Amino acid sequence: MVNNGSLTYDHSKDGRWTELAGCTAEIRNQNHDTFLAVRYSRGRLTVMTDVEDKNEWKNCIDIAGVQLPTGYFFGASAGTGDLSDNHDIISMKLFQLMVEHPLEDDTVDWTKIEPSVSLLKSPKDNVDDPTGNFRSGPLTGWKVFLLLLCALLGIIVCAVVGAVVFQKRQERNKRFY
C-alpha cells in the first residue's frame, strides 16, 4: 500500500482497493526465524523473503514506478487481515542506501513528491464489483448470445428430465392396473 496520508485502509475488504501487490509466505509454526527484506531504490520497490532459513532470498514483489519522498515513514503491522492469525515483529533494521541518481533526478525536490505508483490502477478500478464482471458493462452481442444459449440449454435439460420422470411414473402406474 502506497499512501499519501489521505487514503484509509478498508478492513472489511482487507485493503483490497489500496493494494499495490502481495504474495504468500509460510511463516507460521517455524522452528527458525523468518525474514522479510524491503528495498526501495531508483523508483523500484522490491520485497524478498527468507522463510526456509537457508539465507536464500526469494523475490516476492518487484514493482517499478514507485515514487516516495524523502523523510517518509515506514510502517509495519502484525495484523494479517485474517481474524484467526497474527505474528510477532521482533525487530526492524532500516538502512539508507547510497546510489547514484541520474542527472535529471538532481532537479527534483524529493521532499515535495506525492507518494504514488505509476502502474497502480485508480482506487475505483480496484473496487470489487458485487454484480461480477459479466454484468459490469452493457449487454453486447456475445453476452446476449451466451445468455440465450445458456437459457436454451437449461430449458432443454429441464424438458429431458421432466420427460424421463414422466415416463418412469407412467410405467410404475401401469403395474397397479
Protein backbone atom coordinates (compact mmCIF):
# COMPACT_ATOMS: atom_id res chain seq x y z
CA MET A 1 0.00 0.00 0.00
CA VAL A 2 1.41 3.37 -1.01
CA ASN A 3 -0.41 6.16 0.77
CA ASN A 4 -0.17 9.93 0.85
CA GLY A 5 -1.95 10.10 4.20
CA SER A 6 -5.39 10.68 2.71
CA LEU A 7 -6.31 7.05 1.96
CA THR A 8 -7.79 4.81 4.63
CA TYR A 9 -7.31 1.08 4.97
CA ASP A 10 -10.57 -0.78 4.38
CA HIS A 11 -10.53 -3.65 6.89
CA SER A 12 -13.78 -5.15 5.61
CA LYS A 13 -12.22 -5.82 2.19
CA ASP A 14 -8.72 -6.49 3.60
CA GLY A 15 -7.33 -3.34 1.98
CA ARG A 16 -8.10 -4.64 -1.50
CA TRP A 17 -8.70 -1.28 -3.19
CA THR A 18 -5.44 0.24 -1.93
CA GLU A 19 -3.42 -2.91 -2.56
CA LEU A 20 -0.23 -2.44 -4.51
CA ALA A 21 0.81 -6.09 -4.65
CA GLY A 22 1.06 -9.11 -2.41
CA CYS A 23 2.46 -12.58 -2.01
CA THR A 24 2.18 -15.53 0.33
CA ALA A 25 4.87 -16.77 2.71
CA GLU A 26 4.53 -19.67 5.15
CA ILE A 27 5.84 -18.10 8.36
CA ARG A 28 3.71 -19.87 10.95
CA ASN A 29 4.99 -22.61 13.25
CA GLN A 30 8.58 -22.46 12.01
CA ASN A 31 11.42 -23.60 14.29
CA HIS A 32 13.63 -20.81 12.96
CA ASP A 33 13.38 -17.09 12.30
CA THR A 34 11.75 -15.90 9.11
CA PHE A 35 12.91 -12.74 7.35
CA LEU A 36 11.45 -10.12 5.06
CA ALA A 37 13.56 -7.57 3.15
CA VAL A 38 12.03 -4.42 1.70
CA ARG A 39 14.19 -2.37 -0.66
CA TYR A 40 13.35 0.91 -2.36
CA SER A 41 15.90 2.23 -4.82
CA ARG A 42 15.61 4.32 -8.01
CA GLY A 43 11.82 4.13 -8.06
CA ARG A 44 11.72 0.35 -7.68
CA LEU A 45 10.14 -1.37 -4.68
CA THR A 46 11.33 -4.92 -4.04
CA VAL A 47 10.19 -7.29 -1.30
CA MET A 48 12.05 -10.55 -0.72
CA THR A 49 11.53 -13.35 1.80
CA ASP A 50 13.72 -15.93 3.51
CA VAL A 51 11.35 -18.28 5.28
CA GLU A 52 13.31 -21.55 4.95
CA ASP A 53 16.36 -20.41 6.98
CA LYS A 54 18.69 -21.09 4.04
CA ASN A 55 19.90 -17.49 3.72
CA GLU A 56 18.43 -17.51 0.21
CA TRP A 57 16.18 -14.62 -0.69
CA LYS A 58 13.18 -15.27 -2.93
CA ASN A 59 11.51 -12.45 -4.82
CA CYS A 60 8.05 -11.69 -3.55
CA ILE A 61 7.24 -8.31 -5.10
CA ASP A 62 9.15 -6.23 -7.63
CA ILE A 63 7.39 -3.05 -8.77
CA ALA A 64 8.85 -0.22 -10.82
CA GLY A 65 7.43 3.30 -10.94
CA VAL A 66 7.07 3.84 -7.19
CA GLN A 67 7.65 7.46 -6.14
CA LEU A 68 8.36 8.08 -2.44
CA PRO A 69 9.53 11.38 -0.93
CA THR A 70 12.46 11.74 1.44
CA GLY A 71 11.55 11.99 5.09
CA TYR A 72 8.83 9.37 4.70
CA PHE A 73 7.65 6.92 7.34
CA PHE A 74 7.93 3.16 7.12
CA GLY A 75 5.16 1.24 8.84
CA ALA A 76 4.66 -2.42 9.60
CA SER A 77 1.77 -4.23 11.22
CA ALA A 78 1.46 -7.66 12.77
CA GLY A 79 -2.19 -7.76 11.76
CA THR A 80 -2.80 -10.06 8.82
CA GLY A 81 -6.41 -9.29 7.99
CA ASP A 82 -7.37 -12.84 8.94
CA LEU A 83 -9.15 -12.86 12.29
CA SER A 84 -7.60 -16.16 13.33
CA ASP A 85 -3.96 -15.30 12.70
CA ASN A 86 -1.26 -12.98 13.95
CA HIS A 87 2.50 -12.86 14.11
CA ASP A 88 5.22 -11.02 16.02
CA ILE A 89 7.57 -8.44 14.57
CA ILE A 90 10.67 -8.90 16.69
CA SER A 91 12.89 -6.28 15.09
CA MET A 92 13.22 -3.91 12.16
CA LYS A 93 16.50 -2.73 10.69
CA LEU A 94 16.45 0.23 8.32
CA PHE A 95 19.39 1.26 6.15
CA GLN A 96 19.88 4.20 3.81
CA LEU A 97 21.36 3.09 0.51
CA MET A 98 23.75 5.41 -1.28
CA VAL A 99 23.12 5.03 -5.00
CA GLU A 100 23.96 7.26 -7.93
CA HIS A 101 20.96 9.04 -9.39
CA PRO A 102 20.58 10.19 -13.00
CA LEU A 103 21.24 13.91 -13.62
CA GLU A 104 17.54 14.67 -14.18
CA ASP A 105 16.83 13.49 -10.62
CA ASP A 106 19.01 16.32 -9.25
CA THR A 107 16.41 18.90 -10.33
CA VAL A 108 13.58 17.14 -8.45
CA ASP A 109 12.73 18.24 -4.89
CA TRP A 110 12.19 14.80 -3.34
CA THR A 111 10.67 16.27 -0.17
CA LYS A 112 7.66 17.54 -2.12
CA ILE A 113 6.86 14.40 -4.13
CA GLU A 114 3.42 12.90 -3.62
CA PRO A 115 3.70 9.16 -2.83
CA SER A 116 2.41 7.34 -5.90
CA VAL A 117 2.80 4.37 -8.19
CA SER A 118 2.71 4.84 -11.95
CA LEU A 119 1.24 1.38 -12.67
CA LEU A 120 -1.39 1.42 -9.91
CA LYS A 121 -4.98 1.40 -11.08
CA SER A 122 -7.22 4.08 -9.67
CA PRO A 123 -8.99 3.07 -6.43
CA LYS A 124 -12.31 2.99 -8.29
CA ASP A 125 -10.92 0.37 -10.70
CA ASN A 126 -9.91 -1.92 -7.82
CA VAL A 127 -13.25 -1.88 -6.00
CA ASP A 128 -14.88 -5.29 -6.10
CA ASP A 129 -17.99 -5.26 -8.26
CA PRO A 130 -20.75 -7.14 -6.39
CA THR A 131 -22.54 -7.91 -9.66
CA GLY A 132 -19.49 -9.56 -11.21
CA ASN A 133 -17.68 -8.82 -14.44
CA PHE A 134 -20.42 -10.29 -16.63
CA ARG A 135 -22.91 -7.55 -15.76
CA SER A 136 -20.44 -4.70 -15.25
CA GLY A 137 -20.78 -3.50 -18.84
CA PRO A 138 -23.57 -3.23 -21.36
CA LEU A 139 -25.02 -6.39 -22.88
CA THR A 140 -23.09 -6.79 -26.12
CA GLY A 141 -23.89 -9.28 -28.86
CA TRP A 142 -21.71 -12.01 -27.36
CA LYS A 143 -23.18 -11.61 -23.90
CA VAL A 144 -26.74 -11.77 -25.27
CA PHE A 145 -25.83 -14.85 -27.35
CA LEU A 146 -24.26 -16.63 -24.35
CA LEU A 147 -27.19 -15.70 -22.13
CA LEU A 148 -29.73 -17.05 -24.64
CA LEU A 149 -27.64 -20.19 -25.25
CA CYS A 150 -27.48 -20.93 -21.51
CA ALA A 151 -31.22 -20.31 -21.14
CA LEU A 152 -31.98 -22.62 -24.09
CA LEU A 153 -29.72 -25.36 -22.72
CA GLY A 154 -31.39 -25.01 -19.31
CA ILE A 155 -34.85 -25.38 -20.86
CA ILE A 156 -33.75 -28.45 -22.86
CA VAL A 157 -32.24 -30.11 -19.76
CA CYS A 158 -35.42 -29.42 -17.76
CA ALA A 159 -37.59 -30.84 -20.57
CA VAL A 160 -35.50 -34.02 -20.85
CA VAL A 161 -35.51 -34.56 -17.08
CA GLY A 162 -39.26 -33.91 -16.97
CA ALA A 163 -39.90 -36.41 -19.80
CA VAL A 164 -37.81 -39.12 -18.12
CA VAL A 165 -39.57 -38.60 -14.78
CA PHE A 166 -42.99 -38.65 -16.51
CA GLN A 167 -42.19 -41.91 -18.33
CA LYS A 168 -40.96 -43.59 -15.14
CA ARG A 169 -44.15 -42.57 -13.36
CA GLN A 170 -46.33 -43.90 -16.19
CA GLU A 171 -44.53 -47.26 -16.12
CA ARG A 172 -44.93 -47.50 -12.36
CA ASN A 173 -48.66 -46.69 -12.58
CA LYS A 174 -49.27 -49.48 -15.17
CA ARG A 175 -48.34 -52.16 -12.64
CA PHE A 176 -51.32 -51.34 -10.42
CA TYR A 177 -53.99 -51.84 -13.14
